[in-house]
Amino acid sequence: MGAEILDSFPAGGPRGSWPAEQKAAELRKAGQPVEVVMDLESDRFLVVAGRR
């Protein structure tokens, strides 16, 4: 992948819970460009440093 992974969360969280998106929103609010991507091999959502 080559991107810096800042955090990761299991894909099987409770219905209506989006912890990766919540973490990304916190980081964006602090001025850090990030995005959430799905890693199919590990079945996890990754919060990665944004690509410019």
PDB file of N, CA and C in Angstrom:
ATOM      1  N   MET A   1       0.827  -1.186   0.000  1.00  0.00           N
ATOM      2  CA  MET A   1       0.000   0.000   0.000  1.00  0.00           C
ATOM      3  C   MET A   1       0.871   1.249   0.000  1.00  0.00           C
ATOM      4  N   GLY A   2       1.868   1.345   0.887  1.00  0.00           N
ATOM      5  CA  GLY A   2       2.787   2.466   0.868  1.00  0.00           C
ATOM      6  C   GLY A   2       2.339   3.680   1.657  1.00  0.00           C
ATOM      7  N   ALA A   3       1.105   3.714   2.139  1.00  0.00           N
ATOM      8  CA  ALA A   3       0.608   4.853   2.910  1.00  0.00           C
ATOM      9  C   ALA A   3       0.909   4.639   4.392  1.00  0.00           C
ATOM     10  N   GLU A   4       1.016   5.746   5.125  1.00  0.00           N
ATOM     11  CA  GLU A   4       1.251   5.657   6.563  1.00  0.00           C
ATOM     12  C   GLU A   4      -0.075   5.360   7.268  1.00  0.00           C
ATOM     13  N   ILE A   5      -0.133   4.211   7.948  1.00  0.00           N
ATOM     14  CA  ILE A   5      -1.335   3.818   8.679  1.00  0.00           C
ATOM     15  C   ILE A   5      -1.277   4.461  10.059  1.00  0.00           C
ATOM     16  N   LEU A   6      -2.281   5.261  10.373  1.00  0.00           N
ATOM     17  CA  LEU A   6      -2.327   5.960  11.649  1.00  0.00           C
ATOM     18  C   LEU A   6      -3.117   5.191  12.697  1.00  0.00           C
ATOM     19  N   ASP A   7      -4.103   4.406  12.269  1.00  0.00           N
ATOM     20  CA  ASP A   7      -4.927   3.618  13.187  1.00  0.00           C
ATOM     21  C   ASP A   7      -5.671   2.576  12.379  1.00  0.00           C
ATOM     22  N   SER A   8      -6.184   1.545  13.045  1.00  0.00           N
ATOM     23  CA  SER A   8      -6.987   0.536  12.349  1.00  0.00           C
ATOM     24  C   SER A   8      -8.085   0.041  13.281  1.00  0.00           C
ATOM     25  N   PHE A   9      -9.182  -0.400  12.659  1.00  0.00           N
ATOM     26  CA  PHE A   9     -10.348  -0.837  13.406  1.00  0.00           C
ATOM     27  C   PHE A   9     -10.939  -2.064  12.731  1.00  0.00           C
ATOM     28  N   PRO A  10     -11.444  -3.030  13.508  1.00  0.00           N
ATOM     29  CA  PRO A  10     -12.051  -4.206  12.898  1.00  0.00           C
ATOM     30  C   PRO A  10     -13.303  -3.829  12.110  1.00  0.00           C
ATOM     31  N   ALA A  11     -13.532  -4.531  11.015  1.00  0.00           N
ATOM     32  CA  ALA A  11     -14.680  -4.242  10.163  1.00  0.00           C
ATOM     33  C   ALA A  11     -15.984  -4.713  10.791  1.00  0.00           C
ATOM     34  N   GLY A  12     -15.932  -5.618  11.716  1.00  0.00           N
ATOM     35  CA  GLY A  12     -17.145  -6.197  12.288  1.00  0.00           C
ATOM     36  C   GLY A  12     -17.651  -5.482  13.523  1.00  0.00           C
ATOM     37  N   GLY A  13     -17.615  -4.171  13.537  1.00  0.00           N
ATOM     38  CA  GLY A  13     -18.106  -3.425  14.686  1.00  0.00           C
ATOM     39  C   GLY A  13     -19.618  -3.482  14.793  1.00  0.00           C
ATOM     40  N   PRO A  14     -20.154  -2.991  15.915  1.00  0.00           N
ATOM     41  CA  PRO A  14     -21.612  -2.985  16.090  1.00  0.00           C
ATOM     42  C   PRO A  14     -22.302  -2.146  15.013  1.00  0.00           C
ATOM     43  N   ARG A  15     -23.505  -2.521  14.670  1.00  0.00           N
ATOM     44  CA  ARG A  15     -24.283  -1.801  13.648  1.00  0.00           C
ATOM     45  C   ARG A  15     -24.432  -0.337  14.053  1.00  0.00           C
ATOM     46  N   GLY A  16     -24.166   0.549  13.111  1.00  0.00           N
ATOM     47  CA  GLY A  16     -24.281   1.978  13.365  1.00  0.00           C
ATOM     48  C   GLY A  16     -23.041   2.591  13.986  1.00  0.00           C
ATOM     49  N   SER A  17     -22.024   1.789  14.240  1.00  0.00           N
ATOM     50  CA  SER A  17     -20.784   2.285  14.828  1.00  0.00           C
ATOM     51  C   SER A  17     -19.740   2.426  13.725  1.00  0.00           C
ATOM     52  N   TRP A  18     -19.134   3.600  13.629  1.00  0.00           N
ATOM     53  CA  TRP A  18     -18.138   3.874  12.596  1.00  0.00           C
ATOM     54  C   TRP A  18     -16.874   4.436  13.242  1.00  0.00           C
ATOM     55  N   PRO A  19     -16.160   3.648  14.046  1.00  0.00           N
ATOM     56  CA  PRO A  19     -15.006   4.188  14.775  1.00  0.00           C
ATOM     57  C   PRO A  19     -13.890   4.719  13.877  1.00  0.00           C
ATOM     58  N   ALA A  20     -13.676   4.112  12.728  1.00  0.00           N
ATOM     59  CA  ALA A  20     -12.622   4.604  11.832  1.00  0.00           C
ATOM     60  C   ALA A  20     -12.990   5.979  11.298  1.00  0.00           C
ATOM     61  N   GLU A  21     -14.247   6.171  10.924  1.00  0.00           N
ATOM     62  CA  GLU A  21     -14.691   7.471  10.431  1.00  0.00           C
ATOM     63  C   GLU A  21     -14.659   8.522  11.540  1.00  0.00           C
ATOM     64  N   GLN A  22     -14.981   8.116  12.760  1.00  0.00           N
ATOM     65  CA  GLN A  22     -14.932   9.048  13.889  1.00  0.00           C
ATOM     66  C   GLN A  22     -13.493   9.489  14.161  1.00  0.00           C
ATOM     67  N   LYS A  23     -12.570   8.546  14.129  1.00  0.00           N
ATOM     68  CA  LYS A  23     -11.155   8.874  14.331  1.00  0.00           C
ATOM     69  C   LYS A  23     -10.663   9.788  13.219  1.00  0.00           C
ATOM     70  N   ALA A  24     -11.049   9.487  11.990  1.00  0.00           N
ATOM     71  CA  ALA A  24     -10.641  10.319  10.856  1.00  0.00           C
ATOM     72  C   ALA A  24     -11.182  11.737  11.008  1.00  0.00           C
ATOM     73  N   ALA A  25     -12.421  11.868  11.469  1.00  0.00           N
ATOM     74  CA  ALA A  25     -13.008  13.195  11.660  1.00  0.00           C
ATOM     75  C   ALA A  25     -12.234  13.991  12.710  1.00  0.00           C
ATOM     76  N   GLU A  26     -11.825  13.332  13.794  1.00  0.00           N
ATOM     77  CA  GLU A  26     -11.021  13.997  14.827  1.00  0.00           C
ATOM     78  C   GLU A  26      -9.696  14.499  14.256  1.00  0.00           C
ATOM     79  N   LEU A  27      -9.040  13.657  13.475  1.00  0.00           N
ATOM     80  CA  LEU A  27      -7.756  14.031  12.891  1.00  0.00           C
ATOM     81  C   LEU A  27      -7.914  15.160  11.871  1.00  0.00           C
ATOM     82  N   ARG A  28      -8.984  15.102  11.077  1.00  0.00           N
ATOM     83  CA  ARG A  28      -9.233  16.176  10.106  1.00  0.00           C
ATOM     84  C   ARG A  28      -9.486  17.498  10.823  1.00  0.00           C
ATOM     85  N   LYS A  29     -10.250  17.440  11.904  1.00  0.00           N
ATOM     86  CA  LYS A  29     -10.536  18.648  12.681  1.00  0.00           C
ATOM     87  C   LYS A  29      -9.247  19.262  13.231  1.00  0.00           C
ATOM     88  N   ALA A  30      -8.266  18.406  13.532  1.00  0.00           N
ATOM     89  CA  ALA A  30      -6.963  18.863  14.025  1.00  0.00           C
ATOM     90  C   ALA A  30      -6.055  19.312  12.879  1.00  0.00           C
ATOM     91  N   GLY A  31      -6.544  19.251  11.638  1.00  0.00           N
ATOM     92  CA  GLY A  31      -5.779  19.747  10.500  1.00  0.00           C
ATOM     93  C   GLY A  31      -4.967  18.714   9.748  1.00  0.00           C
ATOM     94  N   GLN A  32      -5.139  17.444  10.079  1.00  0.00           N
ATOM     95  CA  GLN A  32      -4.361  16.398   9.403  1.00  0.00           C
ATOM     96  C   GLN A  32      -5.203  15.774   8.287  1.00  0.00           C
ATOM     97  N   PRO A  33      -4.706  15.795   7.051  1.00  0.00           N
ATOM     98  CA  PRO A  33      -5.459  15.160   5.964  1.00  0.00           C
ATOM     99  C   PRO A  33      -5.353  13.636   6.061  1.00  0.00           C
ATOM    100  N   VAL A  34      -6.483  12.982   6.235  1.00  0.00           N
ATOM    101  CA  VAL A  34      -6.529  11.523   6.360  1.00  0.00           C
ATOM    102  C   VAL A  34      -7.679  10.978   5.536  1.00  0.00           C
ATOM    103  N   GLU A  35      -7.641   9.682   5.308  1.00  0.00           N
ATOM    104  CA  GLU A  35      -8.750   9.000   4.663  1.00  0.00           C
ATOM    105  C   GLU A  35      -8.900   7.617   5.279  1.00  0.00           C
ATOM    106  N   VAL A  36     -10.082   7.054   5.127  1.00  0.00           N
ATOM    107  CA  VAL A  36     -10.370   5.712   5.626  1.00  0.00           C
ATOM    108  C   VAL A  36     -10.439   4.776   4.434  1.00  0.00           C
ATOM    109  N   VAL A  37      -9.708   3.679   4.524  1.00  0.00           N
ATOM    110  CA  VAL A  37      -9.722   2.671   3.463  1.00  0.00           C
ATOM    111  C   VAL A  37      -9.966   1.301   4.087  1.00  0.00           C
ATOM    112  N   MET A  38     -10.503   0.391   3.295  1.00  0.00           N
ATOM    113  CA  MET A  38     -10.757  -0.965   3.750  1.00  0.00           C
ATOM    114  C   MET A  38      -9.621  -1.867   3.300  1.00  0.00           C
ATOM    115  N   ASP A  39      -9.034  -2.594   4.245  1.00  0.00           N
ATOM    116  CA  ASP A  39      -8.017  -3.592   3.921  1.00  0.00           C
ATOM    117  C   ASP A  39      -8.721  -4.948   3.910  1.00  0.00           C
ATOM    118  N   LEU A  40      -8.986  -5.462   2.731  1.00  0.00           N
ATOM    119  CA  LEU A  40      -9.732  -6.708   2.609  1.00  0.00           C
ATOM    120  C   LEU A  40      -8.984  -7.904   3.180  1.00  0.00           C
ATOM    121  N   GLU A  41      -7.671  -7.911   3.071  1.00  0.00           N
ATOM    122  CA  GLU A  41      -6.891  -9.043   3.573  1.00  0.00           C
ATOM    123  C   GLU A  41      -7.012  -9.204   5.084  1.00  0.00           C
ATOM    124  N   SER A  42      -7.000  -8.080   5.808  1.00  0.00           N
ATOM    125  CA  SER A  42      -7.084  -8.154   7.272  1.00  0.00           C
ATOM    126  C   SER A  42      -8.497  -7.927   7.795  1.00  0.00           C
ATOM    127  N   ASP A  43      -9.442  -7.577   6.907  1.00  0.00           N
ATOM    128  CA  ASP A  43     -10.823  -7.274   7.280  1.00  0.00           C
ATOM    129  C   ASP A  43     -10.876  -6.153   8.318  1.00  0.00           C
ATOM    130  N   ARG A  44     -10.125  -5.077   8.030  1.00  0.00           N
ATOM    131  CA  ARG A  44     -10.049  -3.924   8.930  1.00  0.00           C
ATOM    132  C   ARG A  44     -10.163  -2.633   8.136  1.00  0.00           C
ATOM    133  N   PHE A  45     -10.707  -1.627   8.795  1.00  0.00           N
ATOM    134  CA  PHE A  45     -10.692  -0.271   8.240  1.00  0.00           C
ATOM    135  C   PHE A  45      -9.440   0.424   8.725  1.00  0.00           C
ATOM    136  N   LEU A  46      -8.711   1.040   7.818  1.00  0.00           N
ATOM    137  CA  LEU A  46      -7.462   1.731   8.149  1.00  0.00           C
ATOM    138  C   LEU A  46      -7.648   3.230   8.001  1.00  0.00           C
ATOM    139  N   VAL A  47      -7.133   3.964   8.975  1.00  0.00           N
ATOM    140  CA  VAL A  47      -7.080   5.421   8.871  1.00  0.00           C
ATOM    141  C   VAL A  47      -5.656   5.726   8.417  1.00  0.00           C
ATOM    142  N   VAL A  48      -5.530   6.288   7.227  1.00  0.00           N
ATOM    143  CA  VAL A  48      -4.209   6.518   6.644  1.00  0.00           C
ATOM    144  C   VAL A  48      -3.996   7.999   6.373  1.00  0.00           C
ATOM    145  N   ALA A  49      -2.735   8.404   6.423  1.00  0.00           N
ATOM    146  CA  ALA A  49      -2.378   9.780   6.112  1.00  0.00           C
ATOM    147  C   ALA A  49      -2.803  10.067   4.678  1.00  0.00           C
ATOM    148  N   GLY A  50      -3.452  11.204   4.487  1.00  0.00           N
ATOM    149  CA  GLY A  50      -3.974  11.575   3.181  1.00  0.00           C
ATOM    150  C   GLY A  50      -2.879  11.732   2.138  1.00  0.00           C
ATOM    151  N   ARG A  51      -3.223  11.378   0.934  1.00  0.00           N
ATOM    152  CA  ARG A  51      -2.288  11.509  -0.194  1.00  0.00           C
ATOM    153  C   ARG A  51      -2.573  12.816  -0.900  1.00  0.00           C
ATOM    154  N   ARG A  52      -1.552  13.569  -1.198  1.00  0.00           N
ATOM    155  CA  ARG A  52      -1.722  14.842  -1.915  1.00  0.00           C
ATOM    156  C   ARG A  52      -1.013  14.806  -3.238  1.00  0.00           C
TER     157      ARG A  52
END
